[in-house]
C-alpha atoms as a PDB file:
ATOM      1  CA  MET A   1     -41.079  -3.444   3.800  1.00  0.00           C
ATOM      2  CA  ASN A   2     -39.315  -3.271   0.621  1.00  0.00           C
ATOM      3  CA  GLN A   3     -37.366  -0.081   1.402  1.00  0.00           C
ATOM      4  CA  LEU A   4     -35.933  -2.112   4.474  1.00  0.00           C
ATOM      5  CA  ASN A   5     -35.359  -4.937   2.030  1.00  0.00           C
ATOM      6  CA  LEU A   6     -33.390  -3.139  -0.516  1.00  0.00           C
ATOM      7  CA  ARG A   7     -31.300  -1.180   2.306  1.00  0.00           C
ATOM      8  CA  ALA A   8     -30.515  -5.067   3.812  1.00  0.00           C
ATOM      9  CA  ILE A   9     -29.754  -6.220   0.191  1.00  0.00           C
ATOM     10  CA  GLU A  10     -27.256  -2.845  -0.501  1.00  0.00           C
ATOM     11  CA  SER A  11     -25.937  -3.617   2.843  1.00  0.00           C
ATOM     12  CA  ARG A  12     -25.106  -7.005   2.133  1.00  0.00           C
ATOM     13  CA  SER A  13     -23.666  -6.473  -1.041  1.00  0.00           C
ATOM     14  CA  TRP A  14     -21.552  -3.632  -0.026  1.00  0.00           C
ATOM     15  CA  LYS A  15     -20.036  -6.077   2.538  1.00  0.00           C
ATOM     16  CA  GLU A  16     -19.609  -8.494  -0.072  1.00  0.00           C
ATOM     17  CA  ARG A  17     -17.380  -6.286  -2.119  1.00  0.00           C
ATOM     18  CA  GLN A  18     -14.978  -6.012   0.629  1.00  0.00           C
ATOM     19  CA  ARG A  19     -14.964  -9.768   1.293  1.00  0.00           C
ATOM     20  CA  ASP A  20     -13.611 -10.997  -1.942  1.00  0.00           C
ATOM     21  CA  GLY A  21      -9.921 -10.375  -0.842  1.00  0.00           C
ATOM     22  CA  LEU A  22      -9.293  -8.918  -4.387  1.00  0.00           C
ATOM     23  CA  PHE A  23      -7.835  -5.758  -2.630  1.00  0.00           C
ATOM     24  CA  ASP A  24      -5.683  -7.629  -0.167  1.00  0.00           C
ATOM     25  CA  ILE A  25      -4.319  -9.295  -2.994  1.00  0.00           C
ATOM     26  CA  TYR A  26      -3.884  -5.867  -5.107  1.00  0.00           C
ATOM     27  CA  PHE A  27      -2.534  -4.051  -2.021  1.00  0.00           C
ATOM     28  CA  GLY A  28       0.217  -6.716  -1.657  1.00  0.00           C
ATOM     29  CA  GLY A  29       1.204  -6.938  -5.399  1.00  0.00           C
ATOM     30  CA  LEU A  30       1.805  -3.206  -5.165  1.00  0.00           C
ATOM     31  CA  MET A  31       4.445  -4.077  -2.430  1.00  0.00           C
ATOM     32  CA  LEU A  32       5.583  -6.772  -4.397  1.00  0.00           C
ATOM     33  CA  ALA A  33       6.041  -4.448  -7.092  1.00  0.00           C
ATOM     34  CA  ILE A  34       8.692  -2.543  -5.360  1.00  0.00           C
ATOM     35  CA  SER A  35      10.332  -5.531  -4.167  1.00  0.00           C
ATOM     36  CA  LEU A  36      10.401  -6.666  -7.603  1.00  0.00           C
ATOM     37  CA  SER A  37      11.951  -3.147  -8.884  1.00  0.00           C
ATOM     38  CA  ALA A  38      14.459  -3.239  -6.262  1.00  0.00           C
ATOM     39  CA  LEU A  39      15.594  -6.683  -7.250  1.00  0.00           C
ATOM     40  CA  VAL A  40      15.815  -5.086 -11.117  1.00  0.00           C
ATOM     41  CA  GLU A  41      18.290  -2.564  -9.527  1.00  0.00           C
ATOM     42  CA  ALA A  42      20.052  -5.401  -7.452  1.00  0.00           C
ATOM     43  CA  LEU A  43      20.689  -7.223 -11.145  1.00  0.00           C
ATOM     44  CA  GLY A  44      22.631  -4.069 -12.564  1.00  0.00           C
ATOM     45  CA  ALA A  45      19.782  -2.132 -13.677  1.00  0.00           C
ATOM     46  CA  THR A  46      20.108   1.773 -13.304  1.00  0.00           C
ATOM     47  CA  SER A  47      17.655   3.855 -10.953  1.00  0.00           C
ATOM     48  CA  LEU A  48      15.572   5.144 -13.990  1.00  0.00           C
ATOM     49  CA  VAL A  49      15.149   1.474 -15.227  1.00  0.00           C
ATOM     50  CA  ARG A  50      13.876   0.843 -11.599  1.00  0.00           C
ATOM     51  CA  LEU A  51      11.549   3.681 -11.525  1.00  0.00           C
ATOM     52  CA  ILE A  52      10.209   2.327 -14.831  1.00  0.00           C
ATOM     53  CA  THR A  53       9.723  -1.235 -13.771  1.00  0.00           C
ATOM     54  CA  LEU A  54       7.506  -0.302 -10.483  1.00  0.00           C
ATOM     55  CA  ILE A  55       5.701   1.973 -12.864  1.00  0.00           C
ATOM     56  CA  VAL A  56       4.772  -0.863 -15.379  1.00  0.00           C
ATOM     57  CA  LEU A  57       4.297  -3.429 -12.622  1.00  0.00           C
ATOM     58  CA  GLN A  58       2.131  -0.927 -10.378  1.00  0.00           C
ATOM     59  CA  PHE A  59      -0.303  -0.117 -13.443  1.00  0.00           C
ATOM     60  CA  SER A  60      -0.353  -3.899 -14.227  1.00  0.00           C
ATOM     61  CA  ALA A  61      -1.545  -4.554 -10.808  1.00  0.00           C
ATOM     62  CA  ALA A  62      -4.153  -2.061 -10.987  1.00  0.00           C
ATOM     63  CA  GLY A  63      -4.969  -3.519 -14.221  1.00  0.00           C
ATOM     64  CA  GLY A  64      -5.262  -6.910 -13.243  1.00  0.00           C
ATOM     65  CA  PHE A  65      -7.165  -5.772 -10.029  1.00  0.00           C
ATOM     66  CA  ALA A  66      -9.998  -4.168 -12.008  1.00  0.00           C
ATOM     67  CA  LEU A  67     -10.425  -7.060 -14.397  1.00  0.00           C
ATOM     68  CA  ALA A  68     -10.427  -9.723 -11.924  1.00  0.00           C
ATOM     69  CA  LYS A  69     -13.426  -7.777 -10.044  1.00  0.00           C
ATOM     70  CA  ARG A  70     -15.361  -7.950 -13.345  1.00  0.00           C
ATOM     71  CA  ARG A  71     -14.575 -11.326 -14.014  1.00  0.00           C
ATOM     72  CA  TYR A  72     -14.873 -13.101 -10.639  1.00  0.00           C
ATOM     73  CA  ALA A  73     -16.734 -10.637  -8.165  1.00  0.00           C
ATOM     74  CA  THR A  74     -19.160  -8.718 -10.068  1.00  0.00           C
ATOM     75  CA  PRO A  75     -20.987 -11.861 -11.449  1.00  0.00           C
ATOM     76  CA  ARG A  76     -21.538 -13.022  -7.812  1.00  0.00           C
ATOM     77  CA  ILE A  77     -22.631 -10.151  -6.170  1.00  0.00           C
ATOM     78  CA  GLY A  78     -24.186  -8.306  -9.290  1.00  0.00           C
ATOM     79  CA  ALA A  79     -24.076  -4.896 -10.711  1.00  0.00           C
ATOM     80  CA  VAL A  80     -24.976  -2.928  -7.453  1.00  0.00           C
ATOM     81  CA  ARG A  81     -25.955   0.982  -7.682  1.00  0.00           C
ATOM     82  CA  PHE A  82     -25.116   1.585  -3.975  1.00  0.00           C
ATOM     83  CA  ALA A  83     -26.790   3.887  -1.642  1.00  0.00           C
ATOM     84  CA  ALA A  84     -26.496   7.443  -2.152  1.00  0.00           C
ATOM     85  CA  SER A  85     -24.664   7.968   1.186  1.00  0.00           C
ATOM     86  CA  ARG A  86     -21.917   5.401   0.021  1.00  0.00           C
ATOM     87  CA  VAL A  87     -21.267   7.433  -3.328  1.00  0.00           C
ATOM     88  CA  ARG A  88     -20.978  10.902  -1.031  1.00  0.00           C
ATOM     89  CA  ARG A  89     -18.665   8.899   0.855  1.00  0.00           C
ATOM     90  CA  SER A  90     -16.656   7.700  -1.872  1.00  0.00           C
ATOM     91  CA  ARG A  91     -16.476  11.322  -3.164  1.00  0.00           C
ATOM     92  CA  VAL A  92     -15.385  12.647  -0.154  1.00  0.00           C
ATOM     93  CA  LEU A  93     -12.633   9.897  -0.456  1.00  0.00           C
ATOM     94  CA  GLN A  94     -11.731  11.055  -3.640  1.00  0.00           C
ATOM     95  CA  VAL A  95     -11.272  14.183  -2.297  1.00  0.00           C
ATOM     96  CA  VAL A  96      -9.281  13.182   0.603  1.00  0.00           C
ATOM     97  CA  LEU A  97      -7.019  11.026  -1.266  1.00  0.00           C
ATOM     98  CA  GLY A  98      -6.420  14.027  -3.795  1.00  0.00           C
ATOM     99  CA  VAL A  99      -5.278  16.042  -0.951  1.00  0.00           C
ATOM    100  CA  PHE A 100      -2.627  13.837  -0.044  1.00  0.00           C
ATOM    101  CA  VAL A 101      -1.555  13.430  -3.281  1.00  0.00           C
ATOM    102  CA  LEU A 102      -1.020  16.812  -3.802  1.00  0.00           C
ATOM    103  CA  GLY A 103       0.773  16.971  -0.603  1.00  0.00           C
ATOM    104  CA  THR A 104       3.036  13.945  -1.602  1.00  0.00           C
ATOM    105  CA  ALA A 105       3.598  16.200  -4.813  1.00  0.00           C
ATOM    106  CA  ALA A 106       4.629  19.196  -2.470  1.00  0.00           C
ATOM    107  CA  LEU A 107       7.466  16.876  -0.355  1.00  0.00           C
ATOM    108  CA  VAL A 108       8.753  15.674  -3.683  1.00  0.00           C
ATOM    109  CA  VAL A 109       9.082  19.149  -5.019  1.00  0.00           C
ATOM    110  CA  SER A 110      10.514  20.703  -1.734  1.00  0.00           C
ATOM    111  CA  THR A 111      13.116  17.999  -1.443  1.00  0.00           C
ATOM    112  CA  ALA A 112      14.400  18.639  -4.969  1.00  0.00           C
ATOM    113  CA  PHE A 113      14.629  22.300  -4.097  1.00  0.00           C
ATOM    114  CA  GLY A 114      16.816  21.851  -1.007  1.00  0.00           C
ATOM    115  CA  GLU A 115      14.003  22.104   1.730  1.00  0.00           C
ATOM    116  CA  SER A 116      13.949  18.493   2.805  1.00  0.00           C
ATOM    117  CA  PRO A 117      10.665  17.741   4.651  1.00  0.00           C
ATOM    118  CA  LEU A 118      12.974  15.348   6.713  1.00  0.00           C
ATOM    119  CA  ASN A 119      13.874  18.005   8.716  1.00  0.00           C
ATOM    120  CA  LEU A 120      10.681  17.889  10.533  1.00  0.00           C
ATOM    121  CA  PHE A 121      11.699  14.841  11.908  1.00  0.00           C
ATOM    122  CA  SER A 122      15.279  14.899  12.602  1.00  0.00           C
ATOM    123  CA  GLN A 123      15.281  14.489  15.688  1.00  0.00           C
ATOM    124  CA  LEU A 124      14.297  10.519  14.951  1.00  0.00           C
ATOM    125  CA  GLY A 125      17.745   9.899  12.976  1.00  0.00           C
ATOM    126  CA  ARG A 126      17.574   7.229  10.823  1.00  0.00           C
ATOM    127  CA  TYR A 127      13.904   6.542  11.224  1.00  0.00           C
ATOM    128  CA  ALA A 128      13.198   9.958  10.154  1.00  0.00           C
ATOM    129  CA  LEU A 129      12.224   8.589   6.579  1.00  0.00           C
ATOM    130  CA  PRO A 130      10.070   5.380   7.299  1.00  0.00           C
ATOM    131  CA  THR A 131       8.222   7.891   9.783  1.00  0.00           C
ATOM    132  CA  MET A 132       7.098  10.286   6.956  1.00  0.00           C
ATOM    133  CA  VAL A 133       6.528   7.798   4.233  1.00  0.00           C
ATOM    134  CA  THR A 134       4.548   5.922   7.008  1.00  0.00           C
ATOM    135  CA  LEU A 135       2.497   9.075   7.748  1.00  0.00           C
ATOM    136  CA  VAL A 136       2.285   9.842   3.765  1.00  0.00           C
ATOM    137  CA  VAL A 137       0.784   6.441   2.814  1.00  0.00           C
ATOM    138  CA  GLY A 138      -0.716   5.798   6.176  1.00  0.00           C
ATOM    139  CA  ILE A 139      -3.129   8.648   6.590  1.00  0.00           C
ATOM    140  CA  PRO A 140      -4.759   8.235   3.047  1.00  0.00           C
ATOM    141  CA  LEU A 141      -5.184   4.253   4.147  1.00  0.00           C
ATOM    142  CA  ILE A 142      -6.670   5.047   7.311  1.00  0.00           C
ATOM    143  CA  ALA A 143      -9.086   7.188   5.557  1.00  0.00           C
ATOM    144  CA  VAL A 144      -9.799   4.409   2.946  1.00  0.00           C
ATOM    145  CA  GLY A 145     -10.755   2.206   5.719  1.00  0.00           C
ATOM    146  CA  ILE A 146     -12.884   4.353   7.319  1.00  0.00           C
ATOM    147  CA  LEU A 147     -14.702   5.842   4.432  1.00  0.00           C
ATOM    148  CA  LEU A 148     -15.218   2.356   3.207  1.00  0.00           C
ATOM    149  CA  GLU A 149     -15.625   0.479   6.140  1.00  0.00           C
ATOM    150  CA  PHE A 150     -12.525  -1.837   5.286  1.00  0.00           C
ATOM    151  CA  GLY A 151     -10.764  -1.997   8.359  1.00  0.00           C
ATOM    152  CA  ARG A 152      -8.340  -4.866   6.912  1.00  0.00           C
ATOM    153  CA  ILE A 153      -6.771  -2.467   5.163  1.00  0.00           C
ATOM    154  CA  LEU A 154      -4.832  -0.977   8.094  1.00  0.00           C
ATOM    155  CA  LEU A 155      -3.612  -4.520   8.280  1.00  0.00           C
ATOM    156  CA  HIS A 156      -1.554  -3.978   5.154  1.00  0.00           C
ATOM    157  CA  ALA A 157      -0.348  -0.418   6.039  1.00  0.00           C
ATOM    158  CA  ALA A 158       0.810  -1.941   9.204  1.00  0.00           C
ATOM    159  CA  LEU A 159       2.705  -4.683   6.816  1.00  0.00           C
ATOM    160  CA  PHE A 160       4.100  -1.858   4.640  1.00  0.00           C
ATOM    161  CA  ALA A 161       5.263   0.445   7.678  1.00  0.00           C
ATOM    162  CA  ALA A 162       6.867  -2.664   9.034  1.00  0.00           C
ATOM    163  CA  ALA A 163       9.309  -2.799   5.970  1.00  0.00           C
ATOM    164  CA  THR A 164      10.139   0.685   6.195  1.00  0.00           C
ATOM    165  CA  PHE A 165      11.026   0.206   9.787  1.00  0.00           C
ATOM    166  CA  ALA A 166      12.501  -2.929   9.664  1.00  0.00           C
ATOM    167  CA  LEU A 167      15.227  -1.364   6.648  1.00  0.00           C
ATOM    168  CA  ALA A 168      15.612   1.393   9.332  1.00  0.00           C
ATOM    169  CA  ALA A 169      16.397  -0.652  12.439  1.00  0.00           C
ATOM    170  CA  SER A 170      18.792  -3.132  10.172  1.00  0.00           C
ATOM    171  CA  GLY A 171      20.755   0.268   9.243  1.00  0.00           C
ATOM    172  CA  GLN A 172      19.538   0.033   5.411  1.00  0.00           C
ATOM    173  CA  SER A 173      18.667   2.790   3.173  1.00  0.00           C
ATOM    174  CA  PHE A 174      14.903   2.804   2.158  1.00  0.00           C
ATOM    175  CA  MET A 175      16.001   2.590  -1.484  1.00  0.00           C
ATOM    176  CA  ALA A 176      18.571  -0.504  -0.783  1.00  0.00           C
ATOM    177  CA  PRO A 177      18.123  -2.758  -3.660  1.00  0.00           C
ATOM    178  CA  ILE A 178      18.486  -6.076  -1.687  1.00  0.00           C
ATOM    179  CA  PRO A 179      17.304  -5.222   1.609  1.00  0.00           C
ATOM    180  CA  GLY A 180      14.283  -3.542   0.085  1.00  0.00           C
ATOM    181  CA  ALA A 181      13.368  -6.455  -1.981  1.00  0.00           C
ATOM    182  CA  ILE A 182      13.650  -8.662   0.840  1.00  0.00           C
ATOM    183  CA  ALA A 183      11.748  -6.401   3.245  1.00  0.00           C
ATOM    184  CA  PHE A 184       8.768  -5.349   0.692  1.00  0.00           C
ATOM    185  CA  GLY A 185       8.851  -8.884  -0.815  1.00  0.00           C
ATOM    186  CA  ALA A 186       8.087 -10.497   2.655  1.00  0.00           C
ATOM    187  CA  SER A 187       5.255  -7.874   3.115  1.00  0.00           C
ATOM    188  CA  GLY A 188       3.836  -8.152  -0.010  1.00  0.00           C
ATOM    189  CA  ALA A 189       3.472 -11.945  -0.079  1.00  0.00           C
ATOM    190  CA  ILE A 190       1.975 -11.819   3.589  1.00  0.00           C
ATOM    191  CA  SER A 191      -0.634  -9.352   2.199  1.00  0.00           C
ATOM    192  CA  VAL A 192      -1.112 -11.475  -0.748  1.00  0.00           C
ATOM    193  CA  ALA A 193      -1.665 -14.760   1.057  1.00  0.00           C
ATOM    194  CA  ILE A 194      -4.324 -13.467   3.151  1.00  0.00           C
ATOM    195  CA  GLY A 195      -6.212 -11.833  -0.058  1.00  0.00           C
ATOM    196  CA  ALA A 196      -5.799 -15.197  -1.597  1.00  0.00           C
ATOM    197  CA  VAL A 197      -7.197 -16.837   1.357  1.00  0.00           C
ATOM    198  CA  ILE A 198      -9.981 -14.926   1.537  1.00  0.00           C
ATOM    199  CA  PHE A 199     -10.683 -15.032  -2.410  1.00  0.00           C
ATOM    200  CA  ALA A 200     -10.577 -18.608  -2.614  1.00  0.00           C
ATOM    201  CA  ARG A 201     -13.349 -18.895   0.417  1.00  0.00           C
ATOM    202  CA  PHE A 202     -15.274 -16.296  -1.619  1.00  0.00           C
ATOM    203  CA  LEU A 203     -15.687 -18.424  -4.552  1.00  0.00           C
ATOM    204  CA  ARG A 204     -16.500 -21.326  -2.528  1.00  0.00           C
ATOM    205  CA  ARG A 205     -19.109 -19.382  -0.694  1.00  0.00           C
ATOM    206  CA  VAL A 206     -20.928 -16.980  -3.154  1.00  0.00           C
ATOM    207  CA  PRO A 207     -22.330 -18.483  -6.162  1.00  0.00           C
ATOM    208  CA  ARG A 208     -22.162 -16.774  -9.547  1.00  0.00           C
ATOM    209  CA  GLY A 209     -25.443 -14.485 -10.213  1.00  0.00           C
ATOM    210  CA  ARG A 210     -26.546 -11.141 -11.235  1.00  0.00           C
ATOM    211  CA  LEU A 211     -28.231  -8.623  -9.052  1.00  0.00           C
ATOM    212  CA  GLU A 212     -29.295  -4.845  -9.092  1.00  0.00           C
ATOM    213  CA  VAL A 213     -29.750  -2.655  -6.006  1.00  0.00           C
ATOM    214  CA  PRO A 214     -31.007   0.910  -6.622  1.00  0.00           C
ATOM    215  CA  SER A 215     -30.038   4.010  -4.622  1.00  0.00           C
ATOM    216  CA  ASP A 216     -31.977   4.342  -1.200  1.00  0.00           C
ATOM    217  CA  GLU A 217     -33.109   7.466  -2.720  1.00  0.00           C
ATOM    218  CA  SER A 218     -34.644   6.329  -5.711  1.00  0.00           C
END
């Protein structure tokens, strides 16, 4: 009975971690970072400044996400040591994401040496780039959604894809400053709004407290 109770608590705690809305806000923040960096270039900055701005904003979003988790989520769901099966799943996820990071790096290098991966999608015309970007970003996010049992991430992936394809459909470049700021700003704002609503409900629904659940193999 105690083992069943521990597993039930562990499962409930895992689900609560996915219901605080912070990852939704974080992913929306990443898209807003793309939007703001594009706006910086639109105001006269160079492409290098735009890139630096993007990196700084995205690292800031990651830091804010970690801080919010520690300050608002952990005091409510507790410091939980999850089941060994979930730990293994997270490790597999890290490998999957690592493979796609290496794949993305390979795409960049091949493009730099004149072997553009866009040639694989040449028949798609102006939709070649958004298709490639959607695959590079979307496949890892699908893996995250499956392995972490976080289906809502697919909604945010769809919003990201919508921004890239909207730019292509309007005849704009993926790097076009003003159109990019509008497209990714709109998608990012939707993701942040979704996360903010979920986060507000989480704060009202889950009281502060501490809980520690051992692994199911303990």
